[in-house]
Amino acid sequence: MTAVPAPLRAFIDATNRGDSAAFVDAFTEDAVLDDWGRVFHGHEGVSAWDSTDNIGKRAHFELVGLEPTDDPDRVVATLTVTGGGFNGTGPMTFEFRDGRIARLVISPTD
């Protein structure tokens, strides 16, 4: 597996610790989070998503795959999610800027 980028590791670790402040801090202030077409903007949006769909649902992530793309600041991570909300395995596309997550797209598997 490719080396895990630090912002992705922060995203996983903060979720698994239940640390919402660290989770939001893993994102840029102007981040975009797209969860199956539900789009959240900035720290406020990321925080809202975190409380309704992530740490607020006691989510736990296990990284099971990581694929580089043609853009060195973008990776596709395959994560297994468990907790009180969505449970399953699927891809998440992360785009990084300045050591943080600038864009996250969570999409259904084909």
C-alpha atoms as a PDB file:
ATOM      1  CA  MET A   1       0.000   0.000   0.000  1.00  0.00           C
ATOM      2  CA  THR A   2       1.125   3.571  -0.723  1.00  0.00           C
ATOM      3  CA  ALA A   3       2.269   5.616   2.278  1.00  0.00           C
ATOM      4  CA  VAL A   4      -0.726   7.119   4.073  1.00  0.00           C
ATOM      5  CA  PRO A   5      -0.776  10.924   3.695  1.00  0.00           C
ATOM      6  CA  ALA A   6      -0.731  12.739   7.049  1.00  0.00           C
ATOM      7  CA  PRO A   7      -4.116  14.479   6.546  1.00  0.00           C
ATOM      8  CA  LEU A   8      -5.779  11.131   5.792  1.00  0.00           C
ATOM      9  CA  ARG A   9      -4.168   9.605   8.878  1.00  0.00           C
ATOM     10  CA  ALA A  10      -5.441  12.590  10.940  1.00  0.00           C
ATOM     11  CA  PHE A  11      -8.967  12.079   9.510  1.00  0.00           C
ATOM     12  CA  ILE A  12      -8.975   8.394  10.481  1.00  0.00           C
ATOM     13  CA  ASP A  13      -7.323   8.838  13.876  1.00  0.00           C
ATOM     14  CA  ALA A  14      -9.571  11.751  14.940  1.00  0.00           C
ATOM     15  CA  THR A  15     -12.677   9.776  13.983  1.00  0.00           C
ATOM     16  CA  ASN A  16     -11.544   6.657  15.793  1.00  0.00           C
ATOM     17  CA  ARG A  17     -10.717   8.703  18.927  1.00  0.00           C
ATOM     18  CA  GLY A  18     -14.021  10.580  18.768  1.00  0.00           C
ATOM     19  CA  ASP A  19     -12.128  13.895  18.629  1.00  0.00           C
ATOM     20  CA  SER A  20     -14.368  16.284  16.677  1.00  0.00           C
ATOM     21  CA  ALA A  21     -12.027  19.282  17.023  1.00  0.00           C
ATOM     22  CA  ALA A  22      -9.112  17.333  15.527  1.00  0.00           C
ATOM     23  CA  PHE A  23     -11.412  15.958  12.833  1.00  0.00           C
ATOM     24  CA  VAL A  24     -12.470  19.428  11.671  1.00  0.00           C
ATOM     25  CA  ASP A  25      -8.868  20.649  11.931  1.00  0.00           C
ATOM     26  CA  ALA A  26      -7.828  17.987   9.392  1.00  0.00           C
ATOM     27  CA  PHE A  27      -9.698  20.046   6.748  1.00  0.00           C
ATOM     28  CA  THR A  28      -8.862  23.388   5.134  1.00  0.00           C
ATOM     29  CA  GLU A  29     -11.128  26.277   6.141  1.00  0.00           C
ATOM     30  CA  ASP A  30     -12.673  26.283   2.653  1.00  0.00           C
ATOM     31  CA  ALA A  31     -12.979  22.494   2.368  1.00  0.00           C
ATOM     32  CA  VAL A  32     -15.746  20.757   0.460  1.00  0.00           C
ATOM     33  CA  LEU A  33     -17.148  17.448   1.693  1.00  0.00           C
ATOM     34  CA  ASP A  34     -19.448  15.643  -0.770  1.00  0.00           C
ATOM     35  CA  ASP A  35     -21.217  12.635   0.753  1.00  0.00           C
ATOM     36  CA  TRP A  36     -23.175  10.908  -2.024  1.00  0.00           C
ATOM     37  CA  GLY A  37     -24.259  14.287  -3.384  1.00  0.00           C
ATOM     38  CA  ARG A  38     -24.886  15.962  -0.015  1.00  0.00           C
ATOM     39  CA  VAL A  39     -22.362  18.799  -0.060  1.00  0.00           C
ATOM     40  CA  PHE A  40     -20.929  20.547   3.014  1.00  0.00           C
ATOM     41  CA  HIS A  41     -18.693  23.631   2.922  1.00  0.00           C
ATOM     42  CA  GLY A  42     -15.923  24.860   5.191  1.00  0.00           C
ATOM     43  CA  HIS A  43     -15.248  24.007   8.808  1.00  0.00           C
ATOM     44  CA  GLU A  44     -18.883  24.681   9.712  1.00  0.00           C
ATOM     45  CA  GLY A  45     -20.144  22.198   7.134  1.00  0.00           C
ATOM     46  CA  VAL A  46     -17.517  19.587   8.013  1.00  0.00           C
ATOM     47  CA  SER A  47     -18.460  19.948  11.678  1.00  0.00           C
ATOM     48  CA  ALA A  48     -22.158  19.523  10.876  1.00  0.00           C
ATOM     49  CA  TRP A  49     -21.450  16.375   8.830  1.00  0.00           C
ATOM     50  CA  ASP A  50     -19.224  15.054  11.591  1.00  0.00           C
ATOM     51  CA  SER A  51     -21.993  15.403  14.175  1.00  0.00           C
ATOM     52  CA  THR A  52     -24.713  13.783  12.031  1.00  0.00           C
ATOM     53  CA  ASP A  53     -22.800  11.192  10.002  1.00  0.00           C
ATOM     54  CA  ASN A  54     -19.419  10.504  11.581  1.00  0.00           C
ATOM     55  CA  ILE A  55     -18.324  10.916  15.202  1.00  0.00           C
ATOM     56  CA  GLY A  56     -21.935  11.696  16.125  1.00  0.00           C
ATOM     57  CA  LYS A  57     -22.729   8.158  14.922  1.00  0.00           C
ATOM     58  CA  ARG A  58     -19.677   6.660  16.690  1.00  0.00           C
ATOM     59  CA  ALA A  59     -18.085   5.829  13.327  1.00  0.00           C
ATOM     60  CA  HIS A  60     -14.875   3.845  13.217  1.00  0.00           C
ATOM     61  CA  PHE A  61     -12.641   3.687  10.129  1.00  0.00           C
ATOM     62  CA  GLU A  62     -10.316   0.959   8.979  1.00  0.00           C
ATOM     63  CA  LEU A  63      -8.161   1.749   5.945  1.00  0.00           C
ATOM     64  CA  VAL A  64      -8.184  -1.284   3.654  1.00  0.00           C
ATOM     65  CA  GLY A  65      -6.745   0.189   0.457  1.00  0.00           C
ATOM     66  CA  LEU A  66      -5.059   3.290  -0.905  1.00  0.00           C
ATOM     67  CA  GLU A  67      -4.615   4.138  -4.570  1.00  0.00           C
ATOM     68  CA  PRO A  68      -2.587   7.062  -5.870  1.00  0.00           C
ATOM     69  CA  THR A  69      -3.952   9.070  -8.795  1.00  0.00           C
ATOM     70  CA  ASP A  70      -2.299  11.078 -11.554  1.00  0.00           C
ATOM     71  CA  ASP A  71      -2.496  14.068  -9.175  1.00  0.00           C
ATOM     72  CA  PRO A  72       0.028  13.808  -6.300  1.00  0.00           C
ATOM     73  CA  ASP A  73      -2.415  15.715  -4.045  1.00  0.00           C
ATOM     74  CA  ARG A  74      -5.274  13.231  -4.605  1.00  0.00           C
ATOM     75  CA  VAL A  75      -5.730   9.649  -3.410  1.00  0.00           C
ATOM     76  CA  VAL A  76      -8.596   7.192  -3.352  1.00  0.00           C
ATOM     77  CA  ALA A  77      -8.852   5.477   0.014  1.00  0.00           C
ATOM     78  CA  THR A  78     -10.999   2.414   0.549  1.00  0.00           C
ATOM     79  CA  LEU A  79     -12.325   2.463   4.092  1.00  0.00           C
ATOM     80  CA  THR A  80     -14.422   0.051   6.091  1.00  0.00           C
ATOM     81  CA  VAL A  81     -16.847   2.041   8.230  1.00  0.00           C
ATOM     82  CA  THR A  82     -18.592   0.672  11.308  1.00  0.00           C
ATOM     83  CA  GLY A  83     -20.668   2.355  13.991  1.00  0.00           C
ATOM     84  CA  GLY A  84     -24.196   3.600  14.549  1.00  0.00           C
ATOM     85  CA  GLY A  85     -24.705   4.958  11.021  1.00  0.00           C
ATOM     86  CA  PHE A  86     -23.478   3.715   7.648  1.00  0.00           C
ATOM     87  CA  ASN A  87     -21.674   0.389   7.848  1.00  0.00           C
ATOM     88  CA  GLY A  88     -19.753  -0.946   4.874  1.00  0.00           C
ATOM     89  CA  THR A  89     -16.688  -0.587   2.708  1.00  0.00           C
ATOM     90  CA  GLY A  90     -16.269   1.944  -0.053  1.00  0.00           C
ATOM     91  CA  PRO A  91     -14.089   4.538  -1.745  1.00  0.00           C
ATOM     92  CA  MET A  92     -13.393   8.045  -0.545  1.00  0.00           C
ATOM     93  CA  THR A  93     -11.458  10.449  -2.754  1.00  0.00           C
ATOM     94  CA  PHE A  94      -9.270  12.888  -0.838  1.00  0.00           C
ATOM     95  CA  GLU A  95      -7.662  16.029  -2.263  1.00  0.00           C
ATOM     96  CA  PHE A  96      -5.032  17.709  -0.112  1.00  0.00           C
ATOM     97  CA  ARG A  97      -3.716  21.255   0.113  1.00  0.00           C
ATOM     98  CA  ASP A  98      -1.244  22.704   2.613  1.00  0.00           C
ATOM     99  CA  GLY A  99      -1.216  19.547   4.745  1.00  0.00           C
ATOM    100  CA  ARG A 100      -5.005  19.345   5.122  1.00  0.00           C
ATOM    101  CA  ILE A 101      -7.999  17.884   3.291  1.00  0.00           C
ATOM    102  CA  ALA A 102      -9.344  20.398   0.769  1.00  0.00           C
ATOM    103  CA  ARG A 103     -11.967  18.109  -0.778  1.00  0.00           C
ATOM    104  CA  LEU A 104     -13.478  14.782   0.193  1.00  0.00           C
ATOM    105  CA  VAL A 105     -15.858  12.891  -2.066  1.00  0.00           C
ATOM    106  CA  ILE A 106     -17.648   9.865  -0.664  1.00  0.00           C
ATOM    107  CA  SER A 107     -19.339   7.947  -3.434  1.00  0.00           C
ATOM    108  CA  PRO A 108     -21.190   4.683  -3.824  1.00  0.00           C
ATOM    109  CA  THR A 109     -19.318   1.716  -5.221  1.00  0.00           C
ATOM    110  CA  ASP A 110     -20.199   0.791  -8.778  1.00  0.00           C
END
